[in-house]
Amino acid sequence: SLSGYSIIIVLQGIDRERVERMEARLKEDILREAELYGGTIMVIHESDDGQIFDLWEHVNSEVVQTPLEVFKSLETEGLPVKYARVPITDGKAPKSSDFDTLAINIASAPKNAAFVFNCQ
């Protein structure tokens, strides 16, 4: 049964490069697993009413992308995007250097720039 299925991994003080290496490794693992199952992997979903279920999803290297790869593909398409990543541990206060990095990127952006922030 998948009910109550939950794994939370907290990596305090992790830097951008390590996060990106972990994402690249996860992508490799997903694609390797897909090779074993005819180009599919089992993905756990949650319905609107909170029910947990699994489905086999078809995947390949074009649909499995890291956030960095997504931004690079947008740049390749000619979109004016800039990728700046500042990993901040959930539930912890950001380091002063995190604020500095955010402030520098926001201050140097064009006035009509849009920003995308997300958490894990």
PDB file of N, CA and C in Angstrom:
ATOM      1  N   SER A   1       0.843  -1.189   0.000  1.00  0.00           N
ATOM      2  CA  SER A   1       0.000   0.000   0.000  1.00  0.00           C
ATOM      3  C   SER A   1       0.886   1.249   0.000  1.00  0.00           C
ATOM      4  N   LEU A   2       0.429   2.260  -0.700  1.00  0.00           N
ATOM      5  CA  LEU A   2       1.188   3.507  -0.775  1.00  0.00           C
ATOM      6  C   LEU A   2       0.680   4.560   0.201  1.00  0.00           C
ATOM      7  N   SER A   3      -0.358   4.239   0.988  1.00  0.00           N
ATOM      8  CA  SER A   3      -0.904   5.244   1.892  1.00  0.00           C
ATOM      9  C   SER A   3       0.143   5.639   2.927  1.00  0.00           C
ATOM     10  N   GLY A   4       0.218   6.911   3.195  1.00  0.00           N
ATOM     11  CA  GLY A   4       1.185   7.432   4.141  1.00  0.00           C
ATOM     12  C   GLY A   4       2.609   7.471   3.625  1.00  0.00           C
ATOM     13  N   TYR A   5       2.786   7.277   2.334  1.00  0.00           N
ATOM     14  CA  TYR A   5       4.119   7.256   1.726  1.00  0.00           C
ATOM     15  C   TYR A   5       4.708   8.654   1.752  1.00  0.00           C
ATOM     16  N   SER A   6       5.831   8.819   2.424  1.00  0.00           N
ATOM     17  CA  SER A   6       6.446  10.145   2.502  1.00  0.00           C
ATOM     18  C   SER A   6       7.913  10.008   2.887  1.00  0.00           C
ATOM     19  N   ILE A   7       8.763  10.636   2.114  1.00  0.00           N
ATOM     20  CA  ILE A   7      10.183  10.697   2.448  1.00  0.00           C
ATOM     21  C   ILE A   7      10.613  12.146   2.277  1.00  0.00           C
ATOM     22  N   ILE A   8      11.186  12.704   3.309  1.00  0.00           N
ATOM     23  CA  ILE A   8      11.664  14.083   3.241  1.00  0.00           C
ATOM     24  C   ILE A   8      13.158  14.071   3.546  1.00  0.00           C
ATOM     25  N   ILE A   9      13.926  14.638   2.653  1.00  0.00           N
ATOM     26  CA  ILE A   9      15.368  14.724   2.844  1.00  0.00           C
ATOM     27  C   ILE A   9      15.726  16.196   3.008  1.00  0.00           C
ATOM     28  N   VAL A  10      16.393  16.518   4.097  1.00  0.00           N
ATOM     29  CA  VAL A  10      16.814  17.894   4.347  1.00  0.00           C
ATOM     30  C   VAL A  10      18.334  17.944   4.279  1.00  0.00           C
ATOM     31  N   LEU A  11      18.844  18.792   3.421  1.00  0.00           N
ATOM     32  CA  LEU A  11      20.290  18.979   3.289  1.00  0.00           C
ATOM     33  C   LEU A  11      20.599  20.431   3.625  1.00  0.00           C
ATOM     34  N   GLN A  12      21.009  20.661   4.852  1.00  0.00           N
ATOM     35  CA  GLN A  12      21.251  22.024   5.301  1.00  0.00           C
ATOM     36  C   GLN A  12      22.550  22.566   4.731  1.00  0.00           C
ATOM     37  N   GLY A  13      22.501  23.824   4.318  1.00  0.00           N
ATOM     38  CA  GLY A  13      23.694  24.505   3.848  1.00  0.00           C
ATOM     39  C   GLY A  13      24.233  23.992   2.529  1.00  0.00           C
ATOM     40  N   ILE A  14      23.406  23.357   1.748  1.00  0.00           N
ATOM     41  CA  ILE A  14      23.849  22.795   0.470  1.00  0.00           C
ATOM     42  C   ILE A  14      24.081  23.918  -0.539  1.00  0.00           C
ATOM     43  N   ASP A  15      25.070  23.751  -1.401  1.00  0.00           N
ATOM     44  CA  ASP A  15      25.331  24.784  -2.400  1.00  0.00           C
ATOM     45  C   ASP A  15      24.721  24.398  -3.751  1.00  0.00           C
ATOM     46  N   ARG A  16      24.654  25.384  -4.610  1.00  0.00           N
ATOM     47  CA  ARG A  16      24.018  25.231  -5.924  1.00  0.00           C
ATOM     48  C   ARG A  16      24.625  24.079  -6.716  1.00  0.00           C
ATOM     49  N   GLU A  17      25.944  24.001  -6.734  1.00  0.00           N
ATOM     50  CA  GLU A  17      26.615  22.973  -7.532  1.00  0.00           C
ATOM     51  C   GLU A  17      26.247  21.576  -7.065  1.00  0.00           C
ATOM     52  N   ARG A  18      26.167  21.384  -5.754  1.00  0.00           N
ATOM     53  CA  ARG A  18      25.812  20.052  -5.242  1.00  0.00           C
ATOM     54  C   ARG A  18      24.371  19.701  -5.600  1.00  0.00           C
ATOM     55  N   VAL A  19      23.464  20.653  -5.473  1.00  0.00           N
ATOM     56  CA  VAL A  19      22.068  20.406  -5.851  1.00  0.00           C
ATOM     57  C   VAL A  19      21.992  20.007  -7.321  1.00  0.00           C
ATOM     58  N   GLU A  20      22.705  20.726  -8.168  1.00  0.00           N
ATOM     59  CA  GLU A  20      22.661  20.435  -9.606  1.00  0.00           C
ATOM     60  C   GLU A  20      23.286  19.078  -9.926  1.00  0.00           C
ATOM     61  N   ARG A  21      24.335  18.694  -9.199  1.00  0.00           N
ATOM     62  CA  ARG A  21      24.919  17.352  -9.396  1.00  0.00           C
ATOM     63  C   ARG A  21      23.924  16.270  -8.973  1.00  0.00           C
ATOM     64  N   MET A  22      23.225  16.508  -7.879  1.00  0.00           N
ATOM     65  CA  MET A  22      22.226  15.544  -7.407  1.00  0.00           C
ATOM     66  C   MET A  22      21.088  15.412  -8.416  1.00  0.00           C
ATOM     67  N   GLU A  23      20.665  16.528  -8.991  1.00  0.00           N
ATOM     68  CA  GLU A  23      19.597  16.485  -9.999  1.00  0.00           C
ATOM     69  C   GLU A  23      20.047  15.742 -11.255  1.00  0.00           C
ATOM     70  N   ALA A  24      21.286  15.978 -11.673  1.00  0.00           N
ATOM     71  CA  ALA A  24      21.814  15.277 -12.850  1.00  0.00           C
ATOM     72  C   ALA A  24      21.886  13.777 -12.581  1.00  0.00           C
ATOM     73  N   ARG A  25      22.302  13.409 -11.379  1.00  0.00           N
ATOM     74  CA  ARG A  25      22.367  11.988 -11.011  1.00  0.00           C
ATOM     75  C   ARG A  25      20.964  11.382 -10.981  1.00  0.00           C
ATOM     76  N   LEU A  26      19.994  12.107 -10.448  1.00  0.00           N
ATOM     77  CA  LEU A  26      18.616  11.618 -10.421  1.00  0.00           C
ATOM     78  C   LEU A  26      18.111  11.379 -11.839  1.00  0.00           C
ATOM     79  N   LYS A  27      18.409  12.305 -12.741  1.00  0.00           N
ATOM     80  CA  LYS A  27      18.005  12.131 -14.140  1.00  0.00           C
ATOM     81  C   LYS A  27      18.627  10.858 -14.714  1.00  0.00           C
ATOM     82  N   GLU A  28      19.921  10.657 -14.471  1.00  0.00           N
ATOM     83  CA  GLU A  28      20.593   9.442 -14.951  1.00  0.00           C
ATOM     84  C   GLU A  28      19.919   8.190 -14.395  1.00  0.00           C
ATOM     85  N   ASP A  29      19.588   8.216 -13.104  1.00  0.00           N
ATOM     86  CA  ASP A  29      18.934   7.069 -12.470  1.00  0.00           C
ATOM     87  C   ASP A  29      17.568   6.796 -13.092  1.00  0.00           C
ATOM     88  N   ILE A  30      16.812   7.854 -13.352  1.00  0.00           N
ATOM     89  CA  ILE A  30      15.486   7.705 -13.962  1.00  0.00           C
ATOM     90  C   ILE A  30      15.604   7.084 -15.344  1.00  0.00           C
ATOM     91  N   LEU A  31      16.511   7.597 -16.148  1.00  0.00           N
ATOM     92  CA  LEU A  31      16.665   7.080 -17.516  1.00  0.00           C
ATOM     93  C   LEU A  31      17.194   5.645 -17.515  1.00  0.00           C
ATOM     94  N   ARG A  32      18.067   5.326 -16.574  1.00  0.00           N
ATOM     95  CA  ARG A  32      18.579   3.956 -16.459  1.00  0.00           C
ATOM     96  C   ARG A  32      17.440   3.004 -16.074  1.00  0.00           C
ATOM     97  N   GLU A  33      16.602   3.426 -15.144  1.00  0.00           N
ATOM     98  CA  GLU A  33      15.460   2.601 -14.744  1.00  0.00           C
ATOM     99  C   GLU A  33      14.492   2.424 -15.907  1.00  0.00           C
ATOM    100  N   ALA A  34      14.273   3.490 -16.663  1.00  0.00           N
ATOM    101  CA  ALA A  34      13.362   3.409 -17.810  1.00  0.00           C
ATOM    102  C   ALA A  34      13.852   2.383 -18.828  1.00  0.00           C
ATOM    103  N   GLU A  35      15.158   2.280 -18.994  1.00  0.00           N
ATOM    104  CA  GLU A  35      15.709   1.276 -19.917  1.00  0.00           C
ATOM    105  C   GLU A  35      15.295  -0.135 -19.515  1.00  0.00           C
ATOM    106  N   LEU A  36      15.174  -0.370 -18.226  1.00  0.00           N
ATOM    107  CA  LEU A  36      14.807  -1.696 -17.724  1.00  0.00           C
ATOM    108  C   LEU A  36      13.329  -2.014 -17.931  1.00  0.00           C
ATOM    109  N   TYR A  37      12.504  -0.983 -18.089  1.00  0.00           N
ATOM    110  CA  TYR A  37      11.053  -1.166 -18.156  1.00  0.00           C
ATOM    111  C   TYR A  37      10.454  -0.606 -19.441  1.00  0.00           C
ATOM    112  N   GLY A  38      11.128  -0.833 -20.542  1.00  0.00           N
ATOM    113  CA  GLY A  38      10.575  -0.456 -21.841  1.00  0.00           C
ATOM    114  C   GLY A  38      10.327   1.026 -22.023  1.00  0.00           C
ATOM    115  N   GLY A  39      11.182   1.860 -21.444  1.00  0.00           N
ATOM    116  CA  GLY A  39      11.040   3.308 -21.597  1.00  0.00           C
ATOM    117  C   GLY A  39      10.029   3.927 -20.656  1.00  0.00           C
ATOM    118  N   THR A  40       9.646   3.189 -19.604  1.00  0.00           N
ATOM    119  CA  THR A  40       8.680   3.725 -18.648  1.00  0.00           C
ATOM    120  C   THR A  40       9.239   3.657 -17.231  1.00  0.00           C
ATOM    121  N   ILE A  41       8.701   4.512 -16.381  1.00  0.00           N
ATOM    122  CA  ILE A  41       8.990   4.456 -14.947  1.00  0.00           C
ATOM    123  C   ILE A  41       7.668   4.580 -14.203  1.00  0.00           C
ATOM    124  N   MET A  42       7.628   4.037 -12.998  1.00  0.00           N
ATOM    125  CA  MET A  42       6.424   4.172 -12.190  1.00  0.00           C
ATOM    126  C   MET A  42       6.488   5.503 -11.445  1.00  0.00           C
ATOM    127  N   VAL A  43       5.426   6.291 -11.590  1.00  0.00           N
ATOM    128  CA  VAL A  43       5.349   7.601 -10.949  1.00  0.00           C
ATOM    129  C   VAL A  43       4.179   7.588  -9.972  1.00  0.00           C
ATOM    130  N   ILE A  44       4.428   8.046  -8.764  1.00  0.00           N
ATOM    131  CA  ILE A  44       3.396   8.129  -7.742  1.00  0.00           C
ATOM    132  C   ILE A  44       2.665   9.458  -7.908  1.00  0.00           C
ATOM    133  N   HIS A  45       1.344   9.402  -7.968  1.00  0.00           N
ATOM    134  CA  HIS A  45       0.508  10.589  -8.131  1.00  0.00           C
ATOM    135  C   HIS A  45      -0.407  10.738  -6.922  1.00  0.00           C
ATOM    136  N   GLU A  46      -0.950  11.938  -6.770  1.00  0.00           N
ATOM    137  CA  GLU A  46      -1.953  12.184  -5.738  1.00  0.00           C
ATOM    138  C   GLU A  46      -3.135  12.871  -6.389  1.00  0.00           C
ATOM    139  N   SER A  47      -4.332  12.327  -6.178  1.00  0.00           N
ATOM    140  CA  SER A  47      -5.541  12.908  -6.760  1.00  0.00           C
ATOM    141  C   SER A  47      -5.943  14.153  -5.971  1.00  0.00           C
ATOM    142  N   ASP A  48      -6.893  14.904  -6.521  1.00  0.00           N
ATOM    143  CA  ASP A  48      -7.360  16.120  -5.855  1.00  0.00           C
ATOM    144  C   ASP A  48      -7.927  15.832  -4.465  1.00  0.00           C
ATOM    145  N   ASP A  49      -8.471  14.629  -4.284  1.00  0.00           N
ATOM    146  CA  ASP A  49      -9.042  14.290  -2.978  1.00  0.00           C
ATOM    147  C   ASP A  49      -8.042  13.577  -2.062  1.00  0.00           C
ATOM    148  N   GLY A  50      -6.752  13.587  -2.451  1.00  0.00           N
ATOM    149  CA  GLY A  50      -5.704  13.062  -1.589  1.00  0.00           C
ATOM    150  C   GLY A  50      -5.395  11.582  -1.737  1.00  0.00           C
ATOM    151  N   GLN A  51      -6.021  10.914  -2.686  1.00  0.00           N
ATOM    152  CA  GLN A  51      -5.752   9.493  -2.907  1.00  0.00           C
ATOM    153  C   GLN A  51      -4.416   9.322  -3.629  1.00  0.00           C
ATOM    154  N   ILE A  52      -3.627   8.367  -3.181  1.00  0.00           N
ATOM    155  CA  ILE A  52      -2.329   8.081  -3.779  1.00  0.00           C
ATOM    156  C   ILE A  52      -2.486   6.920  -4.756  1.00  0.00           C
ATOM    157  N   PHE A  53      -1.915   7.076  -5.954  1.00  0.00           N
ATOM    158  CA  PHE A  53      -1.958   5.995  -6.942  1.00  0.00           C
ATOM    159  C   PHE A  53      -0.710   6.068  -7.802  1.00  0.00           C
ATOM    160  N   ASP A  54      -0.404   4.960  -8.468  1.00  0.00           N
ATOM    161  CA  ASP A  54       0.781   4.934  -9.321  1.00  0.00           C
ATOM    162  C   ASP A  54       0.387   4.687 -10.767  1.00  0.00           C
ATOM    163  N   LEU A  55       1.199   5.226 -11.673  1.00  0.00           N
ATOM    164  CA  LEU A  55       1.016   5.042 -13.115  1.00  0.00           C
ATOM    165  C   LEU A  55       2.382   4.856 -13.754  1.00  0.00           C
ATOM    166  N   TRP A  56       2.426   4.039 -14.796  1.00  0.00           N
ATOM    167  CA  TRP A  56       3.644   3.908 -15.588  1.00  0.00           C
ATOM    168  C   TRP A  56       3.661   5.041 -16.599  1.00  0.00           C
ATOM    169  N   GLU A  57       4.723   5.836 -16.588  1.00  0.00           N
ATOM    170  CA  GLU A  57       4.853   6.987 -17.479  1.00  0.00           C
ATOM    171  C   GLU A  57       5.996   6.741 -18.459  1.00  0.00           C
ATOM    172  N   HIS A  58       5.763   7.061 -19.737  1.00  0.00           N
ATOM    173  CA  HIS A  58       6.823   6.963 -20.743  1.00  0.00           C
ATOM    174  C   HIS A  58       7.767   8.151 -20.583  1.00  0.00           C
ATOM    175  N   VAL A  59       9.063   7.892 -20.575  1.00  0.00           N
ATOM    176  CA  VAL A  59      10.055   8.957 -20.409  1.00  0.00           C
ATOM    177  C   VAL A  59      11.215   8.750 -21.375  1.00  0.00           C
ATOM    178  N   ASN A  60      11.903   9.851 -21.653  1.00  0.00           N
ATOM    179  CA  ASN A  60      13.156   9.822 -22.413  1.00  0.00           C
ATOM    180  C   ASN A  60      13.949  11.064 -22.005  1.00  0.00           C
ATOM    181  N   SER A  61      15.127  11.233 -22.568  1.00  0.00           N
ATOM    182  CA  SER A  61      15.991  12.344 -22.146  1.00  0.00           C
ATOM    183  C   SER A  61      15.441  13.712 -22.527  1.00  0.00           C
ATOM    184  N   GLU A  62      14.447  13.750 -23.408  1.00  0.00           N
ATOM    185  CA  GLU A  62      13.844  15.042 -23.763  1.00  0.00           C
ATOM    186  C   GLU A  62      12.802  15.486 -22.743  1.00  0.00           C
ATOM    187  N   VAL A  63      12.134  14.544 -22.100  1.00  0.00           N
ATOM    188  CA  VAL A  63      11.096  14.919 -21.139  1.00  0.00           C
ATOM    189  C   VAL A  63      11.596  14.927 -19.701  1.00  0.00           C
ATOM    190  N   VAL A  64      12.695  14.245 -19.441  1.00  0.00           N
ATOM    191  CA  VAL A  64      13.294  14.275 -18.107  1.00  0.00           C
ATOM    192  C   VAL A  64      14.435  15.281 -18.163  1.00  0.00           C
ATOM    193  N   GLN A  65      14.209  16.455 -17.565  1.00  0.00           N
ATOM    194  CA  GLN A  65      15.210  17.519 -17.587  1.00  0.00           C
ATOM    195  C   GLN A  65      15.393  18.084 -16.188  1.00  0.00           C
ATOM    196  N   THR A  66      16.601  18.498 -15.913  1.00  0.00           N
ATOM    197  CA  THR A  66      16.878  19.195 -14.663  1.00  0.00           C
ATOM    198  C   THR A  66      16.454  20.658 -14.838  1.00  0.00           C
ATOM    199  N   PRO A  67      16.263  21.392 -13.736  1.00  0.00           N
ATOM    200  CA  PRO A  67      15.939  22.814 -13.880  1.00  0.00           C
ATOM    201  C   PRO A  67      16.978  23.572 -14.713  1.00  0.00           C
ATOM    202  N   LEU A  68      18.258  23.267 -14.528  1.00  0.00           N
ATOM    203  CA  LEU A  68      19.304  23.931 -15.306  1.00  0.00           C
ATOM    204  C   LEU A  68      19.129  23.643 -16.795  1.00  0.00           C
ATOM    205  N   GLU A  69      18.815  22.404 -17.155  1.00  0.00           N
ATOM    206  CA  GLU A  69      18.607  22.053 -18.561  1.00  0.00           C
ATOM    207  C   GLU A  69      17.403  22.782 -19.152  1.00  0.00           C
ATOM    208  N   VAL A  70      16.357  22.950 -18.359  1.00  0.00           N
ATOM    209  CA  VAL A  70      15.174  23.676 -18.835  1.00  0.00           C
ATOM    210  C   VAL A  70      15.556  25.111 -19.175  1.00  0.00           C
ATOM    211  N   PHE A  71      16.283  25.772 -18.278  1.00  0.00           N
ATOM    212  CA  PHE A  71      16.686  27.152 -18.542  1.00  0.00           C
ATOM    213  C   PHE A  71      17.614  27.250 -19.738  1.00  0.00           C
ATOM    214  N   LYS A  72      18.549  26.306 -19.866  1.00  0.00           N
ATOM    215  CA  LYS A  72      19.452  26.326 -21.023  1.00  0.00           C
ATOM    216  C   LYS A  72      18.682  26.147 -22.325  1.00  0.00           C
ATOM    217  N   SER A  73      17.656  25.303 -22.324  1.00  0.00           N
ATOM    218  CA  SER A  73      16.871  25.116 -23.549  1.00  0.00           C
ATOM    219  C   SER A  73      16.068  26.373 -23.876  1.00  0.00           C
ATOM    220  N   LEU A  74      15.601  27.079 -22.857  1.00  0.00           N
ATOM    221  CA  LEU A  74      14.889  28.339 -23.096  1.00  0.00           C
ATOM    222  C   LEU A  74      15.830  29.381 -23.689  1.00  0.00           C
ATOM    223  N   GLU A  75      17.065  29.426 -23.178  1.00  0.00           N
ATOM    224  CA  GLU A  75      18.070  30.339 -23.738  1.00  0.00           C
ATOM    225  C   GLU A  75      18.359  29.994 -25.191  1.00  0.00           C
ATOM    226  N   THR A  76      18.490  28.705 -25.482  1.00  0.00           N
ATOM    227  CA  THR A  76      18.762  28.245 -26.844  1.00  0.00           C
ATOM    228  C   THR A  76      17.646  28.660 -27.797  1.00  0.00           C
ATOM    229  N   GLU A  77      16.415  28.669 -27.283  1.00  0.00           N
ATOM    230  CA  GLU A  77      15.270  29.093 -28.092  1.00  0.00           C
ATOM    231  C   GLU A  77      15.231  30.606 -28.276  1.00  0.00           C
ATOM    232  N   GLY A  78      16.147  31.315 -27.629  1.00  0.00           N
ATOM    233  CA  GLY A  78      16.216  32.760 -27.788  1.00  0.00           C
ATOM    234  C   GLY A  78      15.434  33.554 -26.763  1.00  0.00           C
ATOM    235  N   LEU A  79      14.903  32.891 -25.761  1.00  0.00           N
ATOM    236  CA  LEU A  79      14.162  33.618 -24.734  1.00  0.00           C
ATOM    237  C   LEU A  79      15.137  34.319 -23.790  1.00  0.00           C
ATOM    238  N   PRO A  80      14.813  35.541 -23.378  1.00  0.00           N
ATOM    239  CA  PRO A  80      15.723  36.310 -22.523  1.00  0.00           C
ATOM    240  C   PRO A  80      15.597  35.905 -21.052  1.00  0.00           C
ATOM    241  N   VAL A  81      16.119  34.730 -20.710  1.00  0.00           N
ATOM    242  CA  VAL A  81      16.040  34.252 -19.332  1.00  0.00           C
ATOM    243  C   VAL A  81      17.427  34.240 -18.707  1.00  0.00           C
ATOM    244  N   LYS A  82      17.441  34.347 -17.390  1.00  0.00           N
ATOM    245  CA  LYS A  82      18.691  34.251 -16.638  1.00  0.00           C
ATOM    246  C   LYS A  82      18.449  33.269 -15.499  1.00  0.00           C
ATOM    247  N   TYR A  83      19.365  32.350 -15.320  1.00  0.00           N
ATOM    248  CA  TYR A  83      19.257  31.322 -14.288  1.00  0.00           C
ATOM    249  C   TYR A  83      20.151  31.710 -13.122  1.00  0.00           C
ATOM    250  N   ALA A  84      19.562  31.945 -11.985  1.00  0.00           N
ATOM    251  CA  ALA A  84      20.314  32.216 -10.762  1.00  0.00           C
ATOM    252  C   ALA A  84      19.670  31.387  -9.665  1.00  0.00           C
ATOM    253  N   ARG A  85      20.424  30.515  -9.080  1.00  0.00           N
ATOM    254  CA  ARG A  85      19.853  29.578  -8.117  1.00  0.00           C
ATOM    255  C   ARG A  85      20.494  29.773  -6.755  1.00  0.00           C
ATOM    256  N   VAL A  86      19.640  29.885  -5.730  1.00  0.00           N
ATOM    257  CA  VAL A  86      20.112  30.071  -4.363  1.00  0.00           C
ATOM    258  C   VAL A  86      19.398  29.044  -3.478  1.00  0.00           C
ATOM    259  N   PRO A  87      20.015  27.883  -3.240  1.00  0.00           N
ATOM    260  CA  PRO A  87      19.363  26.886  -2.385  1.00  0.00           C
ATOM    261  C   PRO A  87      19.283  27.372  -0.939  1.00  0.00           C
ATOM    262  N   ILE A  88      18.083  27.343  -0.387  1.00  0.00           N
ATOM    263  CA  ILE A  88      17.861  27.745   1.001  1.00  0.00           C
ATOM    264  C   ILE A  88      17.135  26.598   1.689  1.00  0.00           C
ATOM    265  N   THR A  89      17.652  26.161   2.819  1.00  0.00           N
ATOM    266  CA  THR A  89      17.062  25.041   3.539  1.00  0.00           C
ATOM    267  C   THR A  89      15.699  25.428   4.080  1.00  0.00           C
ATOM    268  N   ASP A  90      14.706  24.584   3.799  1.00  0.00           N
ATOM    269  CA  ASP A  90      13.343  24.806   4.265  1.00  0.00           C
ATOM    270  C   ASP A  90      13.313  24.877   5.797  1.00  0.00           C
ATOM    271  N   GLY A  91      12.626  25.875   6.309  1.00  0.00           N
ATOM    272  CA  GLY A  91      12.487  26.010   7.748  1.00  0.00           C
ATOM    273  C   GLY A  91      13.687  26.618   8.445  1.00  0.00           C
ATOM    274  N   LYS A  92      14.700  27.006   7.682  1.00  0.00           N
ATOM    275  CA  LYS A  92      15.896  27.620   8.253  1.00  0.00           C
ATOM    276  C   LYS A  92      16.031  29.042   7.726  1.00  0.00           C
ATOM    277  N   ALA A  93      16.651  29.891   8.505  1.00  0.00           N
ATOM    278  CA  ALA A  93      16.883  31.263   8.056  1.00  0.00           C
ATOM    279  C   ALA A  93      17.928  31.259   6.941  1.00  0.00           C
ATOM    280  N   PRO A  94      17.685  32.019   5.883  1.00  0.00           N
ATOM    281  CA  PRO A  94      18.701  32.130   4.819  1.00  0.00           C
ATOM    282  C   PRO A  94      19.979  32.757   5.366  1.00  0.00           C
ATOM    283  N   LYS A  95      21.103  32.374   4.780  1.00  0.00           N
ATOM    284  CA  LYS A  95      22.385  32.976   5.156  1.00  0.00           C
ATOM    285  C   LYS A  95      22.433  34.394   4.581  1.00  0.00           C
ATOM    286  N   SER A  96      23.262  35.242   5.160  1.00  0.00           N
ATOM    287  CA  SER A  96      23.374  36.612   4.646  1.00  0.00           C
ATOM    288  C   SER A  96      23.869  36.598   3.204  1.00  0.00           C
ATOM    289  N   SER A  97      24.714  35.633   2.853  1.00  0.00           N
ATOM    290  CA  SER A  97      25.187  35.538   1.463  1.00  0.00           C
ATOM    291  C   SER A  97      24.048  35.180   0.506  1.00  0.00           C
ATOM    292  N   ASP A  98      23.037  34.441   1.011  1.00  0.00           N
ATOM    293  CA  ASP A  98      21.864  34.137   0.176  1.00  0.00           C
ATOM    294  C   ASP A  98      21.122  35.426  -0.168  1.00  0.00           C
ATOM    295  N   PHE A  99      20.929  36.287   0.846  1.00  0.00           N
ATOM    296  CA  PHE A  99      20.275  37.573   0.603  1.00  0.00           C
ATOM    297  C   PHE A  99      21.090  38.423  -0.364  1.00  0.00           C
ATOM    298  N   ASP A 100      22.406  38.416  -0.192  1.00  0.00           N
ATOM    299  CA  ASP A 100      23.274  39.189  -1.087  1.00  0.00           C
ATOM    300  C   ASP A 100      23.112  38.723  -2.531  1.00  0.00           C
ATOM    301  N   THR A 101      23.124  37.412  -2.738  1.00  0.00           N
ATOM    302  CA  THR A 101      22.979  36.866  -4.093  1.00  0.00           C
ATOM    303  C   THR A 101      21.635  37.247  -4.692  1.00  0.00           C
ATOM    304  N   LEU A 102      20.571  37.109  -3.909  1.00  0.00           N
ATOM    305  CA  LEU A 102      19.243  37.500  -4.398  1.00  0.00           C
ATOM    306  C   LEU A 102      19.201  38.987  -4.727  1.00  0.00           C
ATOM    307  N   ALA A 103      19.712  39.819  -3.825  1.00  0.00           N
ATOM    308  CA  ALA A 103      19.676  41.270  -4.024  1.00  0.00           C
ATOM    309  C   ALA A 103      20.459  41.684  -5.263  1.00  0.00           C
ATOM    310  N   ILE A 104      21.628  41.098  -5.469  1.00  0.00           N
ATOM    311  CA  ILE A 104      22.441  41.430  -6.649  1.00  0.00           C
ATOM    312  C   ILE A 104      21.695  41.080  -7.932  1.00  0.00           C
ATOM    313  N   ASN A 105      21.079  39.900  -7.960  1.00  0.00           N
ATOM    314  CA  ASN A 105      20.355  39.478  -9.160  1.00  0.00           C
ATOM    315  C   ASN A 105      19.114  40.322  -9.413  1.00  0.00           C
ATOM    316  N   ILE A 106      18.402  40.662  -8.368  1.00  0.00           N
ATOM    317  CA  ILE A 106      17.201  41.481  -8.532  1.00  0.00           C
ATOM    318  C   ILE A 106      17.580  42.900  -8.944  1.00  0.00           C
ATOM    319  N   ALA A 107      18.594  43.475  -8.304  1.00  0.00           N
ATOM    320  CA  ALA A 107      19.003  44.848  -8.611  1.00  0.00           C
ATOM    321  C   ALA A 107      19.557  44.988 -10.022  1.00  0.00           C
ATOM    322  N   SER A 108      20.183  43.943 -10.542  1.00  0.00           N
ATOM    323  CA  SER A 108      20.792  44.038 -11.874  1.00  0.00           C
ATOM    324  C   SER A 108      19.828  43.661 -13.002  1.00  0.00           C
ATOM    325  N   ALA A 109      18.619  43.268 -12.649  1.00  0.00           N
ATOM    326  CA  ALA A 109      17.644  42.859 -13.672  1.00  0.00           C
ATOM    327  C   ALA A 109      16.956  44.076 -14.287  1.00  0.00           C
ATOM    328  N   PRO A 110      16.511  43.952 -15.531  1.00  0.00           N
ATOM    329  CA  PRO A 110      15.741  45.042 -16.148  1.00  0.00           C
ATOM    330  C   PRO A 110      14.462  45.309 -15.350  1.00  0.00           C
ATOM    331  N   LYS A 111      13.962  46.536 -15.455  1.00  0.00           N
ATOM    332  CA  LYS A 111      12.769  46.922 -14.695  1.00  0.00           C
ATOM    333  C   LYS A 111      11.556  46.054 -15.012  1.00  0.00           C
ATOM    334  N   ASN A 112      11.449  45.568 -16.235  1.00  0.00           N
ATOM    335  CA  ASN A 112      10.279  44.770 -16.612  1.00  0.00           C
ATOM    336  C   ASN A 112      10.506  43.266 -16.432  1.00  0.00           C
ATOM    337  N   ALA A 113      11.561  42.894 -15.723  1.00  0.00           N
ATOM    338  CA  ALA A 113      11.882  41.474 -15.535  1.00  0.00           C
ATOM    339  C   ALA A 113      10.855  40.802 -14.632  1.00  0.00           C
ATOM    340  N   ALA A 114      10.606  39.549 -14.908  1.00  0.00           N
ATOM    341  CA  ALA A 114       9.772  38.714 -14.045  1.00  0.00           C
ATOM    342  C   ALA A 114      10.696  37.736 -13.327  1.00  0.00           C
ATOM    343  N   PHE A 115      10.378  37.411 -12.103  1.00  0.00           N
ATOM    344  CA  PHE A 115      11.197  36.495 -11.320  1.00  0.00           C
ATOM    345  C   PHE A 115      10.390  35.252 -10.996  1.00  0.00           C
ATOM    346  N   VAL A 116      11.059  34.121 -10.972  1.00  0.00           N
ATOM    347  CA  VAL A 116      10.426  32.859 -10.606  1.00  0.00           C
ATOM    348  C   VAL A 116      11.145  32.335  -9.372  1.00  0.00           C
ATOM    349  N   PHE A 117      10.388  32.143  -8.305  1.00  0.00           N
ATOM    350  CA  PHE A 117      10.931  31.577  -7.080  1.00  0.00           C
ATOM    351  C   PHE A 117      10.189  30.273  -6.825  1.00  0.00           C
ATOM    352  N   ASN A 118      10.892  29.272  -6.360  1.00  0.00           N
ATOM    353  CA  ASN A 118      10.200  28.032  -6.015  1.00  0.00           C
ATOM    354  C   ASN A 118      10.892  27.353  -4.851  1.00  0.00           C
ATOM    355  N   CYS A 119      10.166  26.465  -4.224  1.00  0.00           N
ATOM    356  CA  CYS A 119      10.743  25.657  -3.160  1.00  0.00           C
ATOM    357  C   CYS A 119      10.677  24.198  -3.590  1.00  0.00           C
ATOM    358  N   GLN A 120      11.339  23.350  -2.833  1.00  0.00           N
ATOM    359  CA  GLN A 120      11.387  21.935  -3.229  1.00  0.00           C
ATOM    360  C   GLN A 120      10.067  21.241  -3.082  1.00  0.00           C
TER     361      GLN A 120
END
